[in-house]
Amino acid sequence: MSSFKPKDIDYIPRYTYNDYVKWEGRWELIEGMAYAMVPSPTIGHQLIGKNILIQLVELQGGMMSFNLDECRIDFDFGQIW
């Protein structure tokens, strides 16, 4: 009985550091696999996010809670703003 092997698995390219140094743009090379890096957010994008957060906190009366799986985080922004 033969084991199942997808045909395209042999065509996944593997790269070396010598390949990496020739590339343009921002890339990561992890165990021979190339990953395009996401650009950092612009200052304008971060300011918009900050303004949205401020409005959400004000709607909550200066308090905001986040539930991250089993961890609850409470912030009291009333003392900051």
Protein backbone atom coordinates (compact mmCIF):
# COMPACT_ATOMS: atom_id res chain seq x y z
CA MET A 1 0.00 0.00 0.00
CA SER A 2 1.45 3.37 -0.99
CA SER A 3 1.20 6.41 1.22
CA PHE A 4 -0.70 9.43 -0.01
CA LYS A 5 1.47 12.38 -0.97
CA PRO A 6 0.03 15.49 -2.63
CA LYS A 7 1.62 16.12 -6.00
CA ASP A 8 2.34 19.79 -5.37
CA ILE A 9 4.24 19.23 -2.11
CA ASP A 10 7.48 18.81 -4.06
CA TYR A 11 7.03 22.22 -5.66
CA ILE A 12 7.17 24.30 -2.49
CA PRO A 13 10.30 26.38 -3.02
CA ARG A 14 12.96 26.53 -0.31
CA TYR A 15 15.25 29.51 -0.17
CA THR A 16 18.68 30.20 1.28
CA TYR A 17 20.27 33.28 2.78
CA ASN A 18 22.00 33.90 -0.58
CA ASP A 19 18.56 34.12 -2.21
CA TYR A 20 17.27 36.37 0.57
CA VAL A 21 19.98 39.04 0.22
CA LYS A 22 19.03 39.55 -3.45
CA TRP A 23 15.35 40.28 -2.76
CA GLU A 24 13.84 43.76 -2.76
CA GLY A 25 11.28 44.80 -0.18
CA ARG A 26 10.74 43.49 3.33
CA TRP A 27 10.89 39.72 3.68
CA GLU A 28 11.51 37.16 6.40
CA LEU A 29 13.16 33.84 5.73
CA ILE A 30 12.10 31.15 8.21
CA GLU A 31 13.37 27.60 7.70
CA GLY A 32 13.67 28.15 3.97
CA MET A 33 10.17 29.63 3.56
CA ALA A 34 9.76 33.24 2.40
CA TYR A 35 7.22 35.47 4.16
CA ALA A 36 6.34 39.00 3.05
CA MET A 37 6.43 41.40 5.99
CA VAL A 38 3.47 43.67 6.64
CA PRO A 39 4.38 47.36 6.72
CA SER A 40 4.03 49.20 10.01
CA PRO A 41 0.91 51.34 10.42
CA THR A 42 1.34 54.99 9.57
CA ILE A 43 1.12 57.71 12.24
CA GLY A 44 -2.19 58.81 10.75
CA HIS A 45 -3.58 55.28 11.12
CA GLN A 46 -2.44 55.11 14.74
CA LEU A 47 -4.01 58.51 15.51
CA ILE A 48 -7.34 57.38 14.07
CA GLY A 49 -7.20 54.23 16.22
CA LYS A 50 -6.39 56.32 19.31
CA ASN A 51 -9.32 58.66 18.64
CA ILE A 52 -11.70 55.72 18.24
CA LEU A 53 -10.45 54.23 21.52
CA ILE A 54 -10.97 57.56 23.31
CA GLN A 55 -14.56 57.77 22.05
CA LEU A 56 -15.28 54.18 23.10
CA VAL A 57 -13.86 54.78 26.58
CA GLU A 58 -15.90 57.98 26.97
CA LEU A 59 -19.05 56.04 26.01
CA GLN A 60 -18.24 53.57 28.79
CA GLY A 61 -17.85 56.31 31.40
CA GLY A 62 -14.07 56.07 31.58
CA MET A 63 -14.00 52.30 32.11
CA MET A 64 -13.20 49.58 29.61
CA SER A 65 -12.83 45.82 29.98
CA PHE A 66 -11.26 43.25 27.68
CA ASN A 67 -11.84 39.52 27.90
CA LEU A 68 -8.91 37.61 26.44
CA ASP A 69 -9.80 33.92 26.72
CA GLU A 70 -9.59 33.23 30.45
CA CYS A 71 -8.02 36.59 31.36
CA ARG A 72 -10.07 39.70 32.18
CA ILE A 73 -8.35 43.08 31.98
CA ASP A 74 -10.02 46.20 33.39
CA PHE A 75 -8.79 49.71 32.65
CA ASP A 76 -9.88 52.87 34.47
CA PHE A 77 -9.08 55.61 31.97
CA GLY A 78 -10.75 58.26 34.10
CA GLN A 79 -7.48 58.89 35.90
CA ILE A 80 -5.53 59.21 32.64
CA TRP A 81 -7.79 61.55 30.65
